[in-house]
Amino acid sequence: MYVIREKFFSIGDDFDVLDEHGTKVFRVDGKVLSARDKVVIEDASGTEVASVHRHLVSLRPTYEIRIGGEKAAEVRKKLFTPFRDKFTIDVPGPEDLTMKGDLLDHEYVIERDGRDVAAVSKRWLTIRDTYAVQVEAGEDPLLIIASVLALDLALTREEKKEEEKKEKKEKKRKEDE
């Protein structure tokens, strides 16, 4: 199990990903946030092991995960999913994964071929503003954690867009008065 702090992108600082014993496993560099929504994941010794960045030109939110300098996956929102968001983790070959559940509240599973390979939940922890990622044996925890971070980037970006729309509507309403 891994522990991740929620809403770190709005703060933009670095933070550690811990294991269930409280030991630092990864460090996420949140200071590299840019127009491309990029974060760098480092191992405990400070060596970059993965990165997540947004594709600038795409029809739907798409984030590329690079592990060891190589493209490992693309995380993208499915286009037609009524009532709930769904994201696909497109890995090379036929082993794609799907994130589904309550993505906004960090209560969801990651599946491959209908089998749960990871689960994300805030309910497992009593620490405020954190959530846990449980990865099944045999799965790549770095890929799963990077995918969860890509989802957080996408959802944070959508929230900001919605807030900007509301602000523009409110400003226009005030100007019309």
C-alpha atoms as a PDB file:
ATOM      1  CA  MET A   1       0.000   0.000   0.000  1.00  0.00           C
ATOM      2  CA  TYR A   2       1.186   3.534  -0.825  1.00  0.00           C
ATOM      3  CA  VAL A   3       0.071   6.846   0.683  1.00  0.00           C
ATOM      4  CA  ILE A   4      -0.324   9.987  -1.457  1.00  0.00           C
ATOM      5  CA  ARG A   5      -1.315  13.483  -0.370  1.00  0.00           C
ATOM      6  CA  GLU A   6      -4.445  14.809  -2.064  1.00  0.00           C
ATOM      7  CA  LYS A   7      -4.609  18.190  -3.865  1.00  0.00           C
ATOM      8  CA  PHE A   8      -0.847  18.607  -4.046  1.00  0.00           C
ATOM      9  CA  PHE A   9      -1.030  20.125  -7.523  1.00  0.00           C
ATOM     10  CA  SER A  10      -2.828  23.209  -6.247  1.00  0.00           C
ATOM     11  CA  ILE A  11       0.020  23.781  -3.812  1.00  0.00           C
ATOM     12  CA  GLY A  12       2.754  22.884  -6.294  1.00  0.00           C
ATOM     13  CA  ASP A  13       5.296  21.673  -3.764  1.00  0.00           C
ATOM     14  CA  ASP A  14       7.246  18.450  -3.532  1.00  0.00           C
ATOM     15  CA  PHE A  15       5.925  15.540  -1.514  1.00  0.00           C
ATOM     16  CA  ASP A  16       6.805  11.964  -0.652  1.00  0.00           C
ATOM     17  CA  VAL A  17       4.923   8.807  -1.536  1.00  0.00           C
ATOM     18  CA  LEU A  18       5.134   6.528   1.480  1.00  0.00           C
ATOM     19  CA  ASP A  19       4.641   2.804   1.928  1.00  0.00           C
ATOM     20  CA  GLU A  20       2.332   1.353   4.599  1.00  0.00           C
ATOM     21  CA  HIS A  21       5.166   1.574   7.151  1.00  0.00           C
ATOM     22  CA  GLY A  22       5.689   5.312   6.556  1.00  0.00           C
ATOM     23  CA  THR A  23       8.937   4.793   4.639  1.00  0.00           C
ATOM     24  CA  LYS A  24       9.602   7.121   1.699  1.00  0.00           C
ATOM     25  CA  VAL A  25       9.414   5.168  -1.554  1.00  0.00           C
ATOM     26  CA  PHE A  26       9.176   8.014  -4.103  1.00  0.00           C
ATOM     27  CA  ARG A  27       9.484  11.793  -4.164  1.00  0.00           C
ATOM     28  CA  VAL A  28       7.209  13.747  -6.498  1.00  0.00           C
ATOM     29  CA  ASP A  29       8.591  17.061  -7.743  1.00  0.00           C
ATOM     30  CA  GLY A  30       5.582  19.377  -7.988  1.00  0.00           C
ATOM     31  CA  LYS A  31       7.662  22.478  -8.737  1.00  0.00           C
ATOM     32  CA  VAL A  32       8.018  21.548 -12.395  1.00  0.00           C
ATOM     33  CA  LEU A  33       4.344  22.228 -13.055  1.00  0.00           C
ATOM     34  CA  SER A  34       4.182  24.061 -16.346  1.00  0.00           C
ATOM     35  CA  ALA A  35       1.925  24.588 -19.323  1.00  0.00           C
ATOM     36  CA  ARG A  36       2.381  20.872 -19.977  1.00  0.00           C
ATOM     37  CA  ASP A  37       1.295  19.833 -16.459  1.00  0.00           C
ATOM     38  CA  LYS A  38       4.471  17.866 -15.814  1.00  0.00           C
ATOM     39  CA  VAL A  39       5.652  16.154 -12.638  1.00  0.00           C
ATOM     40  CA  VAL A  40       8.797  14.139 -12.017  1.00  0.00           C
ATOM     41  CA  ILE A  41       8.908  11.054  -9.794  1.00  0.00           C
ATOM     42  CA  GLU A  42      12.208  10.284  -8.092  1.00  0.00           C
ATOM     43  CA  ASP A  43      13.293   7.257  -6.099  1.00  0.00           C
ATOM     44  CA  ALA A  44      14.349   7.586  -2.446  1.00  0.00           C
ATOM     45  CA  SER A  45      17.910   8.517  -3.492  1.00  0.00           C
ATOM     46  CA  GLY A  46      16.705  11.409  -5.707  1.00  0.00           C
ATOM     47  CA  THR A  47      17.172   9.747  -9.105  1.00  0.00           C
ATOM     48  CA  GLU A  48      14.417  10.424 -11.637  1.00  0.00           C
ATOM     49  CA  VAL A  49      12.562   7.159 -12.312  1.00  0.00           C
ATOM     50  CA  ALA A  50       9.426   8.423 -14.067  1.00  0.00           C
ATOM     51  CA  SER A  51       7.626  11.493 -15.344  1.00  0.00           C
ATOM     52  CA  VAL A  52       4.057  12.385 -16.214  1.00  0.00           C
ATOM     53  CA  HIS A  53       3.161  15.157 -18.670  1.00  0.00           C
ATOM     54  CA  ARG A  54       0.087  16.339 -20.549  1.00  0.00           C
ATOM     55  CA  HIS A  55      -0.131  16.164 -24.328  1.00  0.00           C
ATOM     56  CA  LEU A  56      -0.725  19.694 -25.543  1.00  0.00           C
ATOM     57  CA  VAL A  57      -2.745  18.698 -28.598  1.00  0.00           C
ATOM     58  CA  SER A  58      -5.384  16.031 -28.032  1.00  0.00           C
ATOM     59  CA  LEU A  59      -9.166  15.673 -28.242  1.00  0.00           C
ATOM     60  CA  ARG A  60      -9.485  14.596 -24.629  1.00  0.00           C
ATOM     61  CA  PRO A  61      -7.276  14.842 -21.549  1.00  0.00           C
ATOM     62  CA  THR A  62      -4.194  12.711 -22.296  1.00  0.00           C
ATOM     63  CA  TYR A  63      -1.088  12.271 -20.157  1.00  0.00           C
ATOM     64  CA  GLU A  64       2.063  10.386 -21.089  1.00  0.00           C
ATOM     65  CA  ILE A  65       3.946   8.335 -18.511  1.00  0.00           C
ATOM     66  CA  ARG A  66       7.648   7.763 -19.059  1.00  0.00           C
ATOM     67  CA  ILE A  67       9.499   5.254 -16.886  1.00  0.00           C
ATOM     68  CA  GLY A  68      13.281   5.061 -17.167  1.00  0.00           C
ATOM     69  CA  GLY A  69      13.113   7.496 -20.103  1.00  0.00           C
ATOM     70  CA  GLU A  70      10.849   5.181 -22.126  1.00  0.00           C
ATOM     71  CA  LYS A  71       7.170   5.721 -22.873  1.00  0.00           C
ATOM     72  CA  ALA A  72       5.326   3.319 -20.564  1.00  0.00           C
ATOM     73  CA  ALA A  73       1.680   4.383 -20.998  1.00  0.00           C
ATOM     74  CA  GLU A  74      -0.824   7.052 -21.920  1.00  0.00           C
ATOM     75  CA  VAL A  75      -3.624   7.900 -19.525  1.00  0.00           C
ATOM     76  CA  ARG A  76      -6.669   9.334 -21.271  1.00  0.00           C
ATOM     77  CA  LYS A  77     -10.273  10.073 -20.519  1.00  0.00           C
ATOM     78  CA  LYS A  78     -12.791   7.886 -22.320  1.00  0.00           C
ATOM     79  CA  LEU A  79     -15.066   9.962 -24.529  1.00  0.00           C
ATOM     80  CA  PHE A  80     -18.463   8.409 -23.904  1.00  0.00           C
ATOM     81  CA  THR A  81     -18.989   7.424 -20.295  1.00  0.00           C
ATOM     82  CA  PRO A  82     -22.335   8.721 -19.049  1.00  0.00           C
ATOM     83  CA  PHE A  83     -22.667   9.677 -15.359  1.00  0.00           C
ATOM     84  CA  ARG A  84     -19.105   8.725 -14.408  1.00  0.00           C
ATOM     85  CA  ASP A  85     -15.632   9.499 -15.632  1.00  0.00           C
ATOM     86  CA  LYS A  86     -13.514   6.634 -16.863  1.00  0.00           C
ATOM     87  CA  PHE A  87      -9.863   6.782 -17.791  1.00  0.00           C
ATOM     88  CA  THR A  88      -7.865   4.271 -19.810  1.00  0.00           C
ATOM     89  CA  ILE A  89      -4.230   3.461 -19.101  1.00  0.00           C
ATOM     90  CA  ASP A  90      -3.019   2.527 -22.572  1.00  0.00           C
ATOM     91  CA  VAL A  91       0.141   0.454 -22.236  1.00  0.00           C
ATOM     92  CA  PRO A  92       2.097  -1.080 -25.149  1.00  0.00           C
ATOM     93  CA  GLY A  93       0.433  -4.336 -26.176  1.00  0.00           C
ATOM     94  CA  PRO A  94      -2.973  -5.702 -25.208  1.00  0.00           C
ATOM     95  CA  GLU A  95      -2.682  -5.226 -21.430  1.00  0.00           C
ATOM     96  CA  ASP A  96      -4.553  -1.887 -21.102  1.00  0.00           C
ATOM     97  CA  LEU A  97      -6.005  -0.880 -17.760  1.00  0.00           C
ATOM     98  CA  THR A  98      -9.150   1.074 -16.842  1.00  0.00           C
ATOM     99  CA  MET A  99      -9.735   3.412 -13.904  1.00  0.00           C
ATOM    100  CA  LYS A 100     -13.348   3.432 -12.805  1.00  0.00           C
ATOM    101  CA  GLY A 101     -15.414   4.379  -9.802  1.00  0.00           C
ATOM    102  CA  ASP A 102     -15.674   7.681  -7.974  1.00  0.00           C
ATOM    103  CA  LEU A 103     -12.558   9.302  -9.380  1.00  0.00           C
ATOM    104  CA  LEU A 104     -13.159  12.748  -7.874  1.00  0.00           C
ATOM    105  CA  ASP A 105     -13.387  11.370  -4.333  1.00  0.00           C
ATOM    106  CA  HIS A 106     -10.483   8.932  -4.726  1.00  0.00           C
ATOM    107  CA  GLU A 107     -12.642   5.820  -4.362  1.00  0.00           C
ATOM    108  CA  TYR A 108     -11.951   3.739  -7.462  1.00  0.00           C
ATOM    109  CA  VAL A 109     -10.311   0.629  -8.847  1.00  0.00           C
ATOM    110  CA  ILE A 110      -7.887  -0.016 -11.663  1.00  0.00           C
ATOM    111  CA  GLU A 111      -8.806  -3.068 -13.731  1.00  0.00           C
ATOM    112  CA  ARG A 112      -7.180  -5.207 -16.392  1.00  0.00           C
ATOM    113  CA  ASP A 113      -9.474  -7.581 -18.282  1.00  0.00           C
ATOM    114  CA  GLY A 114     -12.184  -7.220 -15.595  1.00  0.00           C
ATOM    115  CA  ARG A 115      -9.783  -8.066 -12.750  1.00  0.00           C
ATOM    116  CA  ASP A 116      -8.873  -5.489 -10.087  1.00  0.00           C
ATOM    117  CA  VAL A 117      -5.114  -4.853 -10.081  1.00  0.00           C
ATOM    118  CA  ALA A 118      -5.159  -1.783  -7.817  1.00  0.00           C
ATOM    119  CA  ALA A 119      -7.554   0.167  -5.623  1.00  0.00           C
ATOM    120  CA  VAL A 120      -7.510   3.792  -4.496  1.00  0.00           C
ATOM    121  CA  SER A 121      -9.305   4.946  -1.367  1.00  0.00           C
ATOM    122  CA  LYS A 122      -9.394   7.791   1.133  1.00  0.00           C
ATOM    123  CA  ARG A 123     -11.410   5.678   3.584  1.00  0.00           C
ATOM    124  CA  TRP A 124      -8.479   3.450   4.519  1.00  0.00           C
ATOM    125  CA  LEU A 125      -6.628   6.343   6.142  1.00  0.00           C
ATOM    126  CA  THR A 126      -7.386   8.690   8.995  1.00  0.00           C
ATOM    127  CA  ILE A 127      -4.800  11.240   7.813  1.00  0.00           C
ATOM    128  CA  ARG A 128      -6.552  14.289   6.349  1.00  0.00           C
ATOM    129  CA  ASP A 129      -6.051  15.074   2.642  1.00  0.00           C
ATOM    130  CA  THR A 130      -4.388  11.755   1.841  1.00  0.00           C
ATOM    131  CA  TYR A 131      -5.408   8.618   0.021  1.00  0.00           C
ATOM    132  CA  ALA A 132      -4.032   5.112  -0.273  1.00  0.00           C
ATOM    133  CA  VAL A 133      -3.144   3.109  -3.356  1.00  0.00           C
ATOM    134  CA  GLN A 134      -3.209  -0.673  -2.921  1.00  0.00           C
ATOM    135  CA  VAL A 135      -1.338  -2.472  -5.719  1.00  0.00           C
ATOM    136  CA  GLU A 136      -1.802  -6.205  -6.302  1.00  0.00           C
ATOM    137  CA  ALA A 137       1.275  -8.455  -6.309  1.00  0.00           C
ATOM    138  CA  GLY A 138       2.868  -8.763  -9.727  1.00  0.00           C
ATOM    139  CA  GLU A 139       1.792  -5.271 -10.849  1.00  0.00           C
ATOM    140  CA  ASP A 140       4.211  -2.388 -11.415  1.00  0.00           C
ATOM    141  CA  PRO A 141       3.635   0.019  -8.517  1.00  0.00           C
ATOM    142  CA  LEU A 142       5.466   2.851 -10.310  1.00  0.00           C
ATOM    143  CA  LEU A 143       3.140   2.582 -13.330  1.00  0.00           C
ATOM    144  CA  ILE A 144       0.080   2.508 -11.059  1.00  0.00           C
ATOM    145  CA  ILE A 145       1.247   5.495  -8.972  1.00  0.00           C
ATOM    146  CA  ALA A 146       2.179   7.495 -12.089  1.00  0.00           C
ATOM    147  CA  SER A 147      -1.264   6.720 -13.548  1.00  0.00           C
ATOM    148  CA  VAL A 148      -2.983   7.888 -10.358  1.00  0.00           C
ATOM    149  CA  LEU A 149      -0.942  11.120 -10.487  1.00  0.00           C
ATOM    150  CA  ALA A 150      -1.892  11.606 -14.166  1.00  0.00           C
ATOM    151  CA  LEU A 151      -5.557  11.270 -13.197  1.00  0.00           C
ATOM    152  CA  ASP A 152      -5.050  13.862 -10.437  1.00  0.00           C
ATOM    153  CA  LEU A 153      -3.474  16.245 -12.956  1.00  0.00           C
ATOM    154  CA  ALA A 154      -6.404  15.794 -15.357  1.00  0.00           C
ATOM    155  CA  LEU A 155      -9.062  16.281 -12.673  1.00  0.00           C
ATOM    156  CA  THR A 156      -7.299  19.324 -11.222  1.00  0.00           C
ATOM    157  CA  ARG A 157      -7.105  20.854 -14.708  1.00  0.00           C
ATOM    158  CA  GLU A 158     -10.853  20.226 -15.257  1.00  0.00           C
ATOM    159  CA  GLU A 159     -11.682  21.811 -11.876  1.00  0.00           C
ATOM    160  CA  LYS A 160      -9.665  24.920 -12.797  1.00  0.00           C
ATOM    161  CA  LYS A 161     -11.480  25.203 -16.143  1.00  0.00           C
ATOM    162  CA  GLU A 162     -14.867  24.977 -14.404  1.00  0.00           C
ATOM    163  CA  GLU A 163     -13.859  27.634 -11.882  1.00  0.00           C
ATOM    164  CA  GLU A 164     -12.712  29.943 -14.698  1.00  0.00           C
ATOM    165  CA  LYS A 165     -16.034  29.463 -16.513  1.00  0.00           C
ATOM    166  CA  LYS A 166     -17.962  30.345 -13.345  1.00  0.00           C
ATOM    167  CA  GLU A 167     -15.818  33.431 -12.778  1.00  0.00           C
ATOM    168  CA  LYS A 168     -16.375  34.610 -16.374  1.00  0.00           C
ATOM    169  CA  LYS A 169     -20.143  34.114 -16.048  1.00  0.00           C
ATOM    170  CA  GLU A 170     -20.196  36.013 -12.763  1.00  0.00           C
ATOM    171  CA  LYS A 171     -18.110  38.841 -14.218  1.00  0.00           C
ATOM    172  CA  LYS A 172     -20.399  39.084 -17.259  1.00  0.00           C
ATOM    173  CA  ARG A 173     -23.486  39.058 -15.026  1.00  0.00           C
ATOM    174  CA  LYS A 174     -22.073  41.936 -12.966  1.00  0.00           C
ATOM    175  CA  GLU A 175     -21.206  43.899 -16.118  1.00  0.00           C
ATOM    176  CA  ASP A 176     -24.748  43.422 -17.437  1.00  0.00           C
ATOM    177  CA  GLU A 177     -26.313  44.820 -14.241  1.00  0.00           C
END
